Amino acid sequence: MKAAICKAFGKPLVLSEVPAPSPGPAELLIRVSACGVCHSDLHLIDGEWKQWGTSPPFIPGHEVTGVVEEAGPGAKGLAPGDRVGVPWMQFACGKCALCSERAEMLCEAQRGTGVTVDGGYAEFVKAPAAFVHRIPDPLDLVDSAPLLCAGVTVFAPLRRAGDLAGKTVAVAGIGGLGHLAVRMASSMGARVVAILEEEERSDLVRRLGAREIIFSRTEKVGKRLSSMGGADLILLTAASARLFEQCVPGLGVNGTLVVLATVAERAAIVPAALLQGQKTIRGSVTGTRYDMDAMLGFAAEHGIVPVVERYPLGNVNEALGKLRAGKVVFRAVLIP
């Protein structure tokens, strides 16, 4: 099979012919239809996330959609011909306290697609059947690939927030994650405020469901949000310490700021500012398998489809370069 391989950190991927994987017990072999290109892939390819256990050579990619080609012995629930998706989380132990508390995405035994096992920048991928998700028929297999990471990453905290009808939800940073957060929060009945750096994509963001837009380069984010009564929920999807600092004063009473981006810079806030109004700051990595299935059903029901740019697998380094330069609108997708 053809695969784009990271043979050394910080180097272009190499398109190679390699043996297709064989499904073991309780595993599925999936013919890949598409794989989204996540910003996390850049961190992994550049060797910035070695703590995850990634080591070359490896095949990146964790937003995988495709069709079941073969089922290994004992694989249950899915069969050849089924439309499926393979996300970041490819295994969790199911026995530890975190798994028992439905926090399996925090399991220390977790294996990650395209992280610790080969991913979807290839013609085939294999995965345990228990961690493969059925893709609802209304969703296009190519366009829906980013739902497998970006989609569930924003859906999980929206779901945890409860009934959002009539609530103010701000999305800080409108890229691969942010544009889906706008769509989903709007479909949940929230008053969505999009926080952008500049006006270039403002019309598109309004069409996605944003009622208000704040331009962070020229406006005081916290002051604008406070003038609207404060945000009940803020999703930080941009890796910016400055934007994080700007968002905190914009939280309303009992408001929550959820950090979804990997902000590696130091940020300064005044902790006392959280006391009045009982404001909360928390992180969120991704969702559980239950969140994933709920998200896919929600996306199918509400017609939520990521905005993507399609690239042949052979153009993987072009797609990665464009993502690195911040020129992708809003998600790149590779097609084998």
C-alpha atoms as a PDB file:
ATOM      1  CA  MET A   1       0.000   0.000   0.000  1.00  0.00           C
ATOM      2  CA  LYS A   2       0.984   3.640  -0.380  1.00  0.00           C
ATOM      3  CA  ALA A   3       1.713   5.504   2.838  1.00  0.00           C
ATOM      4  CA  ALA A   4       3.214   8.852   3.840  1.00  0.00           C
ATOM      5  CA  ILE A   5       5.852   8.044   6.436  1.00  0.00           C
ATOM      6  CA  CYS A   6       7.643  10.214   8.968  1.00  0.00           C
ATOM      7  CA  LYS A   7      11.132   8.712   8.794  1.00  0.00           C
ATOM      8  CA  ALA A   8      12.817  11.435  10.837  1.00  0.00           C
ATOM      9  CA  PHE A   9      11.482  14.244  13.021  1.00  0.00           C
ATOM     10  CA  GLY A  10      11.410  17.628  11.340  1.00  0.00           C
ATOM     11  CA  LYS A  11      11.776  16.246   7.819  1.00  0.00           C
ATOM     12  CA  PRO A  12       9.267  16.028   4.919  1.00  0.00           C
ATOM     13  CA  LEU A  13       7.169  12.881   4.879  1.00  0.00           C
ATOM     14  CA  VAL A  14       8.216  10.192   2.425  1.00  0.00           C
ATOM     15  CA  LEU A  15       5.612   8.543   0.173  1.00  0.00           C
ATOM     16  CA  SER A  16       6.476   4.849   0.144  1.00  0.00           C
ATOM     17  CA  GLU A  17       5.153   1.410  -0.726  1.00  0.00           C
ATOM     18  CA  VAL A  18       4.796  -0.666   2.447  1.00  0.00           C
ATOM     19  CA  PRO A  19       2.975  -3.890   3.332  1.00  0.00           C
ATOM     20  CA  ALA A  20      -0.670  -3.408   4.214  1.00  0.00           C
ATOM     21  CA  PRO A  21      -1.450  -4.276   7.844  1.00  0.00           C
ATOM     22  CA  SER A  22      -3.273  -7.505   8.692  1.00  0.00           C
ATOM     23  CA  PRO A  23      -6.101  -7.429  11.221  1.00  0.00           C
ATOM     24  CA  GLY A  24      -5.475  -9.441  14.366  1.00  0.00           C
ATOM     25  CA  PRO A  25      -8.067 -10.787  16.799  1.00  0.00           C
ATOM     26  CA  ALA A  26     -10.955  -8.317  17.354  1.00  0.00           C
ATOM     27  CA  GLU A  27      -9.415  -5.902  14.825  1.00  0.00           C
ATOM     28  CA  LEU A  28     -10.630  -4.426  11.551  1.00  0.00           C
ATOM     29  CA  LEU A  29      -8.728  -3.622   8.370  1.00  0.00           C
ATOM     30  CA  ILE A  30     -10.087  -0.410   6.866  1.00  0.00           C
ATOM     31  CA  ARG A  31      -9.615   0.918   3.355  1.00  0.00           C
ATOM     32  CA  VAL A  32      -9.019   4.623   3.927  1.00  0.00           C
ATOM     33  CA  SER A  33     -11.308   7.078   2.139  1.00  0.00           C
ATOM     34  CA  ALA A  34      -9.803  10.195   3.705  1.00  0.00           C
ATOM     35  CA  CYS A  35      -7.690  11.443   6.592  1.00  0.00           C
ATOM     36  CA  GLY A  36      -7.862  14.929   8.045  1.00  0.00           C
ATOM     37  CA  VAL A  37      -4.668  16.875   8.666  1.00  0.00           C
ATOM     38  CA  CYS A  38      -4.694  18.091  12.259  1.00  0.00           C
ATOM     39  CA  HIS A  39      -2.307  20.648  13.731  1.00  0.00           C
ATOM     40  CA  SER A  40      -1.354  17.935  16.218  1.00  0.00           C
ATOM     41  CA  ASP A  41       0.189  16.066  13.286  1.00  0.00           C
ATOM     42  CA  LEU A  42       2.695  18.902  12.865  1.00  0.00           C
ATOM     43  CA  HIS A  43       3.700  18.659  16.532  1.00  0.00           C
ATOM     44  CA  LEU A  44       4.181  14.906  16.173  1.00  0.00           C
ATOM     45  CA  ILE A  45       6.086  15.117  12.875  1.00  0.00           C
ATOM     46  CA  ASP A  46       8.347  17.845  14.262  1.00  0.00           C
ATOM     47  CA  GLY A  47       9.155  15.749  17.344  1.00  0.00           C
ATOM     48  CA  GLU A  48       7.616  18.260  19.748  1.00  0.00           C
ATOM     49  CA  TRP A  49       5.370  15.657  21.391  1.00  0.00           C
ATOM     50  CA  LYS A  50       7.821  12.837  22.019  1.00  0.00           C
ATOM     51  CA  GLN A  51       6.248  12.407  25.452  1.00  0.00           C
ATOM     52  CA  TRP A  52       3.330  10.669  23.737  1.00  0.00           C
ATOM     53  CA  GLY A  53       5.682   7.827  22.824  1.00  0.00           C
ATOM     54  CA  THR A  54       5.961   8.638  19.123  1.00  0.00           C
ATOM     55  CA  SER A  55       9.155   7.535  17.399  1.00  0.00           C
ATOM     56  CA  PRO A  56      10.035   7.344  13.677  1.00  0.00           C
ATOM     57  CA  PRO A  57       9.331   5.682  11.414  1.00  0.00           C
ATOM     58  CA  PHE A  58       5.574   6.091  11.775  1.00  0.00           C
ATOM     59  CA  ILE A  59       2.505   6.875   9.671  1.00  0.00           C
ATOM     60  CA  PRO A  60       0.665   9.953  11.018  1.00  0.00           C
ATOM     61  CA  GLY A  61      -3.042  10.686  10.846  1.00  0.00           C
ATOM     62  CA  HIS A  62      -5.871  10.324  13.360  1.00  0.00           C
ATOM     63  CA  GLU A  63      -8.960  11.687  11.539  1.00  0.00           C
ATOM     64  CA  VAL A  64      -9.588   8.591   9.447  1.00  0.00           C
ATOM     65  CA  THR A  65     -12.675   7.581   7.521  1.00  0.00           C
ATOM     66  CA  GLY A  66     -13.099   4.587   5.262  1.00  0.00           C
ATOM     67  CA  VAL A  67     -14.792   1.274   4.623  1.00  0.00           C
ATOM     68  CA  VAL A  68     -14.198  -1.997   6.456  1.00  0.00           C
ATOM     69  CA  GLU A  69     -12.183  -4.265   4.180  1.00  0.00           C
ATOM     70  CA  GLU A  70     -11.686  -7.254   6.462  1.00  0.00           C
ATOM     71  CA  ALA A  71     -12.644  -8.305   9.990  1.00  0.00           C
ATOM     72  CA  GLY A  72     -10.228 -10.247  12.161  1.00  0.00           C
ATOM     73  CA  PRO A  73     -11.292 -13.191  14.338  1.00  0.00           C
ATOM     74  CA  GLY A  74     -13.720 -12.121  17.045  1.00  0.00           C
ATOM     75  CA  ALA A  75     -14.302  -8.602  15.705  1.00  0.00           C
ATOM     76  CA  LYS A  76     -17.841  -7.593  16.659  1.00  0.00           C
ATOM     77  CA  GLY A  77     -20.333  -4.927  15.668  1.00  0.00           C
ATOM     78  CA  LEU A  78     -18.968  -4.070  12.234  1.00  0.00           C
ATOM     79  CA  ALA A  79     -18.515  -6.000   9.007  1.00  0.00           C
ATOM     80  CA  PRO A  80     -16.860  -5.622   5.591  1.00  0.00           C
ATOM     81  CA  GLY A  81     -18.550  -2.829   3.632  1.00  0.00           C
ATOM     82  CA  ASP A  82     -19.492  -0.741   6.666  1.00  0.00           C
ATOM     83  CA  ARG A  83     -18.630   2.985   6.606  1.00  0.00           C
ATOM     84  CA  VAL A  84     -16.464   3.793   9.608  1.00  0.00           C
ATOM     85  CA  GLY A  85     -14.125   6.244  11.282  1.00  0.00           C
ATOM     86  CA  VAL A  86     -10.947   5.781  13.325  1.00  0.00           C
ATOM     87  CA  PRO A  87     -10.110   8.579  15.800  1.00  0.00           C
ATOM     88  CA  TRP A  88      -7.077   9.473  17.927  1.00  0.00           C
ATOM     89  CA  MET A  89      -8.067   7.097  20.752  1.00  0.00           C
ATOM     90  CA  GLN A  90      -7.514   3.582  19.428  1.00  0.00           C
ATOM     91  CA  PHE A  91      -7.355   1.752  22.746  1.00  0.00           C
ATOM     92  CA  ALA A  92      -8.055   2.243  26.438  1.00  0.00           C
ATOM     93  CA  CYS A  93      -7.783  -0.478  29.078  1.00  0.00           C
ATOM     94  CA  GLY A  94     -11.408  -0.400  30.250  1.00  0.00           C
ATOM     95  CA  LYS A  95     -10.350  -1.430  33.757  1.00  0.00           C
ATOM     96  CA  CYS A  96      -8.714   1.549  35.459  1.00  0.00           C
ATOM     97  CA  ALA A  97     -10.548   4.120  37.585  1.00  0.00           C
ATOM     98  CA  LEU A  98     -10.580   6.658  34.760  1.00  0.00           C
ATOM     99  CA  CYS A  99     -12.109   4.202  32.284  1.00  0.00           C
ATOM    100  CA  SER A 100     -14.687   3.212  34.916  1.00  0.00           C
ATOM    101  CA  GLU A 101     -15.633   6.861  35.331  1.00  0.00           C
ATOM    102  CA  ARG A 102     -16.175   7.317  31.581  1.00  0.00           C
ATOM    103  CA  ALA A 103     -12.934   9.264  31.257  1.00  0.00           C
ATOM    104  CA  GLU A 104     -11.253   6.686  29.036  1.00  0.00           C
ATOM    105  CA  MET A 105      -9.580   9.428  26.998  1.00  0.00           C
ATOM    106  CA  LEU A 106      -7.336   9.952  30.042  1.00  0.00           C
ATOM    107  CA  CYS A 107      -6.403   6.265  30.425  1.00  0.00           C
ATOM    108  CA  GLU A 108      -2.659   5.851  30.908  1.00  0.00           C
ATOM    109  CA  ALA A 109      -2.687   2.700  28.751  1.00  0.00           C
ATOM    110  CA  GLN A 110      -4.237   4.572  25.828  1.00  0.00           C
ATOM    111  CA  ARG A 111      -2.891   4.029  22.305  1.00  0.00           C
ATOM    112  CA  GLY A 112      -3.193   6.817  19.749  1.00  0.00           C
ATOM    113  CA  THR A 113      -3.806   6.429  16.022  1.00  0.00           C
ATOM    114  CA  GLY A 114      -0.929   8.000  14.115  1.00  0.00           C
ATOM    115  CA  VAL A 115       0.783   8.604  17.452  1.00  0.00           C
ATOM    116  CA  THR A 116       1.835   5.288  19.004  1.00  0.00           C
ATOM    117  CA  VAL A 117       0.386   3.090  16.240  1.00  0.00           C
ATOM    118  CA  ASP A 118       0.327   3.762  12.488  1.00  0.00           C
ATOM    119  CA  GLY A 119      -2.365   6.127  11.299  1.00  0.00           C
ATOM    120  CA  GLY A 120      -4.384   7.155   8.292  1.00  0.00           C
ATOM    121  CA  TYR A 121      -1.902   8.832   5.935  1.00  0.00           C
ATOM    122  CA  ALA A 122      -2.125   5.565   3.981  1.00  0.00           C
ATOM    123  CA  GLU A 123      -4.379   3.410   1.844  1.00  0.00           C
ATOM    124  CA  PHE A 124      -5.186   1.057   4.744  1.00  0.00           C
ATOM    125  CA  VAL A 125      -5.247   1.237   8.536  1.00  0.00           C
ATOM    126  CA  LYS A 126      -6.134  -1.323  11.179  1.00  0.00           C
ATOM    127  CA  ALA A 127      -7.783  -0.728  14.548  1.00  0.00           C
ATOM    128  CA  PRO A 128      -9.612  -2.592  17.329  1.00  0.00           C
ATOM    129  CA  ALA A 129     -13.268  -2.946  16.366  1.00  0.00           C
ATOM    130  CA  ALA A 130     -14.330  -1.644  19.793  1.00  0.00           C
ATOM    131  CA  PHE A 131     -12.724   1.723  19.030  1.00  0.00           C
ATOM    132  CA  VAL A 132     -13.962   2.092  15.448  1.00  0.00           C
ATOM    133  CA  HIS A 133     -17.097   4.192  14.882  1.00  0.00           C
ATOM    134  CA  ARG A 134     -19.885   3.793  12.371  1.00  0.00           C
ATOM    135  CA  ILE A 135     -20.286   6.863  10.137  1.00  0.00           C
ATOM    136  CA  PRO A 136     -23.971   7.769   9.581  1.00  0.00           C
ATOM    137  CA  ASP A 137     -25.086   7.565   5.952  1.00  0.00           C
ATOM    138  CA  PRO A 138     -25.847  11.307   5.509  1.00  0.00           C
ATOM    139  CA  LEU A 139     -22.183  12.178   6.140  1.00  0.00           C
ATOM    140  CA  ASP A 140     -19.746  12.219   3.220  1.00  0.00           C
ATOM    141  CA  LEU A 141     -16.711  10.083   4.049  1.00  0.00           C
ATOM    142  CA  VAL A 142     -14.195  12.626   2.754  1.00  0.00           C
ATOM    143  CA  ASP A 143     -15.666  15.851   4.108  1.00  0.00           C
ATOM    144  CA  SER A 144     -16.543  14.326   7.481  1.00  0.00           C
ATOM    145  CA  ALA A 145     -13.027  13.052   8.285  1.00  0.00           C
ATOM    146  CA  PRO A 146     -12.148  16.040  10.558  1.00  0.00           C
ATOM    147  CA  LEU A 147     -15.120  15.204  12.766  1.00  0.00           C
ATOM    148  CA  LEU A 148     -13.055  12.291  14.128  1.00  0.00           C
ATOM    149  CA  CYS A 149     -10.798  14.714  16.039  1.00  0.00           C
ATOM    150  CA  ALA A 150     -11.764  18.362  15.599  1.00  0.00           C
ATOM    151  CA  GLY A 151     -15.457  17.533  15.802  1.00  0.00           C
ATOM    152  CA  VAL A 152     -15.409  15.473  18.987  1.00  0.00           C
ATOM    153  CA  THR A 153     -12.859  17.802  20.619  1.00  0.00           C
ATOM    154  CA  VAL A 154     -15.305  20.722  20.529  1.00  0.00           C
ATOM    155  CA  PHE A 155     -18.476  18.663  20.899  1.00  0.00           C
ATOM    156  CA  ALA A 156     -17.418  17.052  24.200  1.00  0.00           C
ATOM    157  CA  PRO A 157     -17.190  20.294  26.243  1.00  0.00           C
ATOM    158  CA  LEU A 158     -20.346  21.638  24.591  1.00  0.00           C
ATOM    159  CA  ARG A 159     -22.138  18.450  25.615  1.00  0.00           C
ATOM    160  CA  ARG A 160     -20.756  18.594  29.169  1.00  0.00           C
ATOM    161  CA  ALA A 161     -22.071  22.158  29.494  1.00  0.00           C
ATOM    162  CA  GLY A 162     -25.670  20.921  29.351  1.00  0.00           C
ATOM    163  CA  ASP A 163     -28.554  22.811  27.760  1.00  0.00           C
ATOM    164  CA  LEU A 164     -27.006  25.724  25.835  1.00  0.00           C
ATOM    165  CA  ALA A 165     -30.228  27.121  24.369  1.00  0.00           C
ATOM    166  CA  GLY A 166     -30.157  30.887  24.868  1.00  0.00           C
ATOM    167  CA  LYS A 167     -26.711  30.801  26.486  1.00  0.00           C
ATOM    168  CA  THR A 168     -23.744  32.844  25.240  1.00  0.00           C
ATOM    169  CA  VAL A 169     -20.958  30.657  23.876  1.00  0.00           C
ATOM    170  CA  ALA A 170     -17.769  32.322  22.665  1.00  0.00           C
ATOM    171  CA  VAL A 171     -15.345  30.520  20.359  1.00  0.00           C
ATOM    172  CA  ALA A 172     -11.856  32.019  20.503  1.00  0.00           C
ATOM    173  CA  GLY A 173      -9.942  31.118  17.363  1.00  0.00           C
ATOM    174  CA  ILE A 174     -11.754  30.066  14.199  1.00  0.00           C
ATOM    175  CA  GLY A 175      -9.791  27.327  12.471  1.00  0.00           C
ATOM    176  CA  GLY A 176     -10.231  23.587  12.159  1.00  0.00           C
ATOM    177  CA  LEU A 177     -11.746  23.255  15.632  1.00  0.00           C
ATOM    178  CA  GLY A 178     -13.293  26.692  15.942  1.00  0.00           C
ATOM    179  CA  HIS A 179     -15.427  26.619  12.806  1.00  0.00           C
ATOM    180  CA  LEU A 180     -17.002  23.339  13.939  1.00  0.00           C
ATOM    181  CA  ALA A 181     -17.569  24.747  17.431  1.00  0.00           C
ATOM    182  CA  VAL A 182     -19.483  27.649  15.884  1.00  0.00           C
ATOM    183  CA  ARG A 183     -21.650  25.268  13.837  1.00  0.00           C
ATOM    184  CA  MET A 184     -22.353  22.925  16.735  1.00  0.00           C
ATOM    185  CA  ALA A 185     -23.027  25.568  19.390  1.00  0.00           C
ATOM    186  CA  SER A 186     -25.344  27.412  17.007  1.00  0.00           C
ATOM    187  CA  SER A 187     -27.221  24.163  16.289  1.00  0.00           C
ATOM    188  CA  MET A 188     -27.616  23.705  20.049  1.00  0.00           C
ATOM    189  CA  GLY A 189     -29.436  27.038  20.235  1.00  0.00           C
ATOM    190  CA  ALA A 190     -26.613  29.095  21.725  1.00  0.00           C
ATOM    191  CA  ARG A 191     -25.869  32.731  20.995  1.00  0.00           C
ATOM    192  CA  VAL A 192     -22.465  32.252  19.407  1.00  0.00           C
ATOM    193  CA  VAL A 193     -19.745  34.878  19.573  1.00  0.00           C
ATOM    194  CA  ALA A 194     -16.760  34.242  17.293  1.00  0.00           C
ATOM    195  CA  ILE A 195     -13.419  35.762  18.256  1.00  0.00           C
ATOM    196  CA  LEU A 196     -11.183  36.345  15.231  1.00  0.00           C
ATOM    197  CA  GLU A 197      -7.846  38.048  14.698  1.00  0.00           C
ATOM    198  CA  GLU A 198      -8.914  39.827  11.519  1.00  0.00           C
ATOM    199  CA  GLU A 199     -11.891  40.401   9.231  1.00  0.00           C
ATOM    200  CA  GLU A 200     -10.812  38.128   6.373  1.00  0.00           C
ATOM    201  CA  ARG A 201     -13.142  35.221   7.252  1.00  0.00           C
ATOM    202  CA  SER A 202     -15.858  37.144   9.092  1.00  0.00           C
ATOM    203  CA  ASP A 203     -18.573  36.666   6.430  1.00  0.00           C
ATOM    204  CA  LEU A 204     -17.940  32.926   6.297  1.00  0.00           C
ATOM    205  CA  VAL A 205     -18.018  32.677  10.083  1.00  0.00           C
ATOM    206  CA  ARG A 206     -21.370  34.471  10.184  1.00  0.00           C
ATOM    207  CA  ARG A 207     -22.737  31.967   7.665  1.00  0.00           C
ATOM    208  CA  LEU A 208     -21.557  29.173   9.953  1.00  0.00           C
ATOM    209  CA  GLY A 209     -23.764  30.537  12.731  1.00  0.00           C
ATOM    210  CA  ALA A 210     -21.954  33.290  14.639  1.00  0.00           C
ATOM    211  CA  ARG A 211     -24.274  36.089  15.748  1.00  0.00           C
ATOM    212  CA  GLU A 212     -21.518  38.383  17.004  1.00  0.00           C
ATOM    213  CA  ILE A 213     -17.870  38.761  16.016  1.00  0.00           C
ATOM    214  CA  ILE A 214     -15.020  40.237  18.042  1.00  0.00           C
ATOM    215  CA  PHE A 215     -11.714  41.125  16.375  1.00  0.00           C
ATOM    216  CA  SER A 216      -9.038  40.397  18.962  1.00  0.00           C
ATOM    217  CA  ARG A 217      -6.334  42.535  17.349  1.00  0.00           C
ATOM    218  CA  THR A 218      -8.329  45.753  17.550  1.00  0.00           C
ATOM    219  CA  GLU A 219     -10.923  45.158  20.288  1.00  0.00           C
ATOM    220  CA  LYS A 220     -10.786  44.338  23.994  1.00  0.00           C
ATOM    221  CA  VAL A 221     -12.203  40.820  24.056  1.00  0.00           C
ATOM    222  CA  GLY A 222     -13.107  40.747  27.750  1.00  0.00           C
ATOM    223  CA  LYS A 223     -14.792  44.131  27.629  1.00  0.00           C
ATOM    224  CA  ARG A 224     -16.875  43.233  24.569  1.00  0.00           C
ATOM    225  CA  LEU A 225     -18.008  39.936  26.083  1.00  0.00           C
ATOM    226  CA  SER A 226     -18.847  41.661  29.377  1.00  0.00           C
ATOM    227  CA  SER A 227     -20.964  44.193  27.477  1.00  0.00           C
ATOM    228  CA  MET A 228     -23.027  41.243  26.231  1.00  0.00           C
ATOM    229  CA  GLY A 229     -23.580  40.011  29.789  1.00  0.00           C
ATOM    230  CA  GLY A 230     -20.525  37.761  29.873  1.00  0.00           C
ATOM    231  CA  ALA A 231     -20.015  34.359  28.277  1.00  0.00           C
ATOM    232  CA  ASP A 232     -21.498  31.260  29.849  1.00  0.00           C
ATOM    233  CA  LEU A 233     -18.910  29.181  28.009  1.00  0.00           C
ATOM    234  CA  ILE A 234     -15.731  30.062  26.139  1.00  0.00           C
ATOM    235  CA  LEU A 235     -13.904  27.505  24.011  1.00  0.00           C
ATOM    236  CA  LEU A 236     -10.271  28.492  23.441  1.00  0.00           C
ATOM    237  CA  THR A 237      -9.223  26.778  20.208  1.00  0.00           C
ATOM    238  CA  ALA A 238      -6.280  29.030  19.297  1.00  0.00           C
ATOM    239  CA  ALA A 239      -2.821  28.352  20.762  1.00  0.00           C
ATOM    240  CA  SER A 240      -2.362  31.880  22.073  1.00  0.00           C
ATOM    241  CA  ALA A 241      -1.534  32.844  25.648  1.00  0.00           C
ATOM    242  CA  ARG A 242      -2.513  36.439  24.865  1.00  0.00           C
ATOM    243  CA  LEU A 243      -5.972  35.379  23.705  1.00  0.00           C
ATOM    244  CA  PHE A 244      -6.356  33.224  26.807  1.00  0.00           C
ATOM    245  CA  GLU A 245      -5.586  36.254  28.971  1.00  0.00           C
ATOM    246  CA  GLN A 246      -8.056  38.383  27.014  1.00  0.00           C
ATOM    247  CA  CYS A 247     -10.869  35.852  27.393  1.00  0.00           C
ATOM    248  CA  VAL A 248     -10.822  35.392  31.171  1.00  0.00           C
ATOM    249  CA  PRO A 249     -12.390  38.815  31.991  1.00  0.00           C
ATOM    250  CA  GLY A 250     -15.184  38.034  29.510  1.00  0.00           C
ATOM    251  CA  LEU A 251     -16.601  35.147  31.529  1.00  0.00           C
ATOM    252  CA  GLY A 252     -20.048  35.684  33.002  1.00  0.00           C
ATOM    253  CA  VAL A 253     -21.402  34.472  36.343  1.00  0.00           C
ATOM    254  CA  ASN A 254     -20.628  30.738  36.701  1.00  0.00           C
ATOM    255  CA  GLY A 255     -18.958  30.932  33.307  1.00  0.00           C
ATOM    256  CA  THR A 256     -16.393  28.377  32.174  1.00  0.00           C
ATOM    257  CA  LEU A 257     -13.351  28.800  29.944  1.00  0.00           C
ATOM    258  CA  VAL A 258     -12.295  25.510  28.342  1.00  0.00           C
ATOM    259  CA  VAL A 259      -8.771  25.315  26.936  1.00  0.00           C
ATOM    260  CA  LEU A 260      -8.691  23.057  23.857  1.00  0.00           C
ATOM    261  CA  ALA A 261      -5.532  24.383  22.197  1.00  0.00           C
ATOM    262  CA  THR A 262      -1.996  23.416  23.178  1.00  0.00           C
ATOM    263  CA  VAL A 263      -0.937  26.804  24.528  1.00  0.00           C
ATOM    264  CA  ALA A 264       2.748  26.302  25.366  1.00  0.00           C
ATOM    265  CA  GLU A 265       3.463  29.916  26.369  1.00  0.00           C
ATOM    266  CA  ARG A 266       3.185  31.301  29.887  1.00  0.00           C
ATOM    267  CA  ALA A 267       0.011  33.237  30.599  1.00  0.00           C
ATOM    268  CA  ALA A 268      -0.717  35.740  33.358  1.00  0.00           C
ATOM    269  CA  ILE A 269      -4.093  36.115  35.034  1.00  0.00           C
ATOM    270  CA  VAL A 270      -5.219  37.421  38.419  1.00  0.00           C
ATOM    271  CA  PRO A 271      -6.719  34.440  40.293  1.00  0.00           C
ATOM    272  CA  ALA A 272      -8.897  36.740  42.404  1.00  0.00           C
ATOM    273  CA  ALA A 273     -10.764  37.661  39.214  1.00  0.00           C
ATOM    274  CA  LEU A 274     -12.293  34.170  39.278  1.00  0.00           C
ATOM    275  CA  LEU A 275     -13.854  34.602  42.709  1.00  0.00           C
ATOM    276  CA  GLN A 276     -16.552  37.125  41.896  1.00  0.00           C
ATOM    277  CA  GLY A 277     -18.956  35.241  39.681  1.00  0.00           C
ATOM    278  CA  GLN A 278     -17.452  31.819  40.520  1.00  0.00           C
ATOM    279  CA  LYS A 279     -15.678  31.477  37.198  1.00  0.00           C
ATOM    280  CA  THR A 280     -13.942  28.296  36.099  1.00  0.00           C
ATOM    281  CA  ILE A 281     -10.980  27.474  33.856  1.00  0.00           C
ATOM    282  CA  ARG A 282     -10.503  23.884  32.738  1.00  0.00           C
ATOM    283  CA  GLY A 283      -8.820  21.833  30.033  1.00  0.00           C
ATOM    284  CA  SER A 284     -10.279  19.223  27.716  1.00  0.00           C
ATOM    285  CA  VAL A 285      -8.345  16.846  25.460  1.00  0.00           C
ATOM    286  CA  THR A 286     -10.976  14.951  23.476  1.00  0.00           C
ATOM    287  CA  GLY A 287     -14.133  12.962  24.096  1.00  0.00           C
ATOM    288  CA  THR A 288     -15.065   9.397  24.970  1.00  0.00           C
ATOM    289  CA  ARG A 289     -16.406   6.817  22.540  1.00  0.00           C
ATOM    290  CA  TYR A 290     -19.884   7.800  23.768  1.00  0.00           C
ATOM    291  CA  ASP A 291     -19.189  11.442  22.939  1.00  0.00           C
ATOM    292  CA  MET A 292     -17.930  10.383  19.504  1.00  0.00           C
ATOM    293  CA  ASP A 293     -21.055   8.441  18.612  1.00  0.00           C
ATOM    294  CA  ALA A 294     -23.284  11.232  19.943  1.00  0.00           C
ATOM    295  CA  MET A 295     -21.311  13.812  17.945  1.00  0.00           C
ATOM    296  CA  LEU A 296     -21.533  11.846  14.693  1.00  0.00           C
ATOM    297  CA  GLY A 297     -25.286  11.468  15.147  1.00  0.00           C
ATOM    298  CA  PHE A 298     -25.649  15.173  15.968  1.00  0.00           C
ATOM    299  CA  ALA A 299     -23.615  16.176  12.903  1.00  0.00           C
ATOM    300  CA  ALA A 300     -25.703  13.957  10.650  1.00  0.00           C
ATOM    301  CA  GLU A 301     -28.976  15.251  12.119  1.00  0.00           C
ATOM    302  CA  HIS A 302     -28.019  18.927  11.789  1.00  0.00           C
ATOM    303  CA  GLY A 303     -26.097  18.716   8.510  1.00  0.00           C
ATOM    304  CA  ILE A 304     -22.804  19.757  10.084  1.00  0.00           C
ATOM    305  CA  VAL A 305     -19.976  19.194   7.615  1.00  0.00           C
ATOM    306  CA  PRO A 306     -16.433  20.524   8.048  1.00  0.00           C
ATOM    307  CA  VAL A 307     -15.123  23.056   5.540  1.00  0.00           C
ATOM    308  CA  VAL A 308     -12.219  21.225   3.907  1.00  0.00           C
ATOM    309  CA  GLU A 309      -9.537  21.483   1.261  1.00  0.00           C
ATOM    310  CA  ARG A 310      -8.884  18.174  -0.498  1.00  0.00           C
ATOM    311  CA  TYR A 311      -5.366  16.953  -1.336  1.00  0.00           C
ATOM    312  CA  PRO A 312      -4.146  13.689  -2.896  1.00  0.00           C
ATOM    313  CA  LEU A 313      -2.004  11.685  -0.483  1.00  0.00           C
ATOM    314  CA  GLY A 314       0.986  12.361  -2.739  1.00  0.00           C
ATOM    315  CA  ASN A 315       0.645  16.080  -1.951  1.00  0.00           C
ATOM    316  CA  VAL A 316       0.865  15.544   1.806  1.00  0.00           C
ATOM    317  CA  ASN A 317       3.870  17.823   2.284  1.00  0.00           C
ATOM    318  CA  GLU A 318       2.099  20.620   0.410  1.00  0.00           C
ATOM    319  CA  ALA A 319      -0.890  20.271   2.748  1.00  0.00           C
ATOM    320  CA  LEU A 320       1.358  20.245   5.819  1.00  0.00           C
ATOM    321  CA  GLY A 321       3.260  23.296   4.569  1.00  0.00           C
ATOM    322  CA  LYS A 322       0.063  25.222   3.990  1.00  0.00           C
ATOM    323  CA  LEU A 323      -1.179  24.280   7.463  1.00  0.00           C
ATOM    324  CA  ARG A 324       2.128  25.340   8.989  1.00  0.00           C
ATOM    325  CA  ALA A 325       1.772  28.733   7.271  1.00  0.00           C
ATOM    326  CA  GLY A 326      -1.801  29.168   8.530  1.00  0.00           C
ATOM    327  CA  LYS A 327      -3.227  29.181   4.997  1.00  0.00           C
ATOM    328  CA  VAL A 328      -5.684  26.261   5.207  1.00  0.00           C
ATOM    329  CA  VAL A 329      -9.409  27.089   5.280  1.00  0.00           C
ATOM    330  CA  PHE A 330     -10.415  25.371   7.623  1.00  0.00           C
ATOM    331  CA  ARG A 331      -9.144  21.779   7.405  1.00  0.00           C
ATOM    332  CA  ALA A 332      -6.986  19.904   4.915  1.00  0.00           C
ATOM    333  CA  VAL A 333      -8.007  16.349   4.046  1.00  0.00           C
ATOM    334  CA  LEU A 334      -5.818  13.732   2.345  1.00  0.00           C
ATOM    335  CA  ILE A 335      -7.311  11.258  -0.133  1.00  0.00           C
ATOM    336  CA  PRO A 336      -5.292   8.097  -0.915  1.00  0.00           C
END
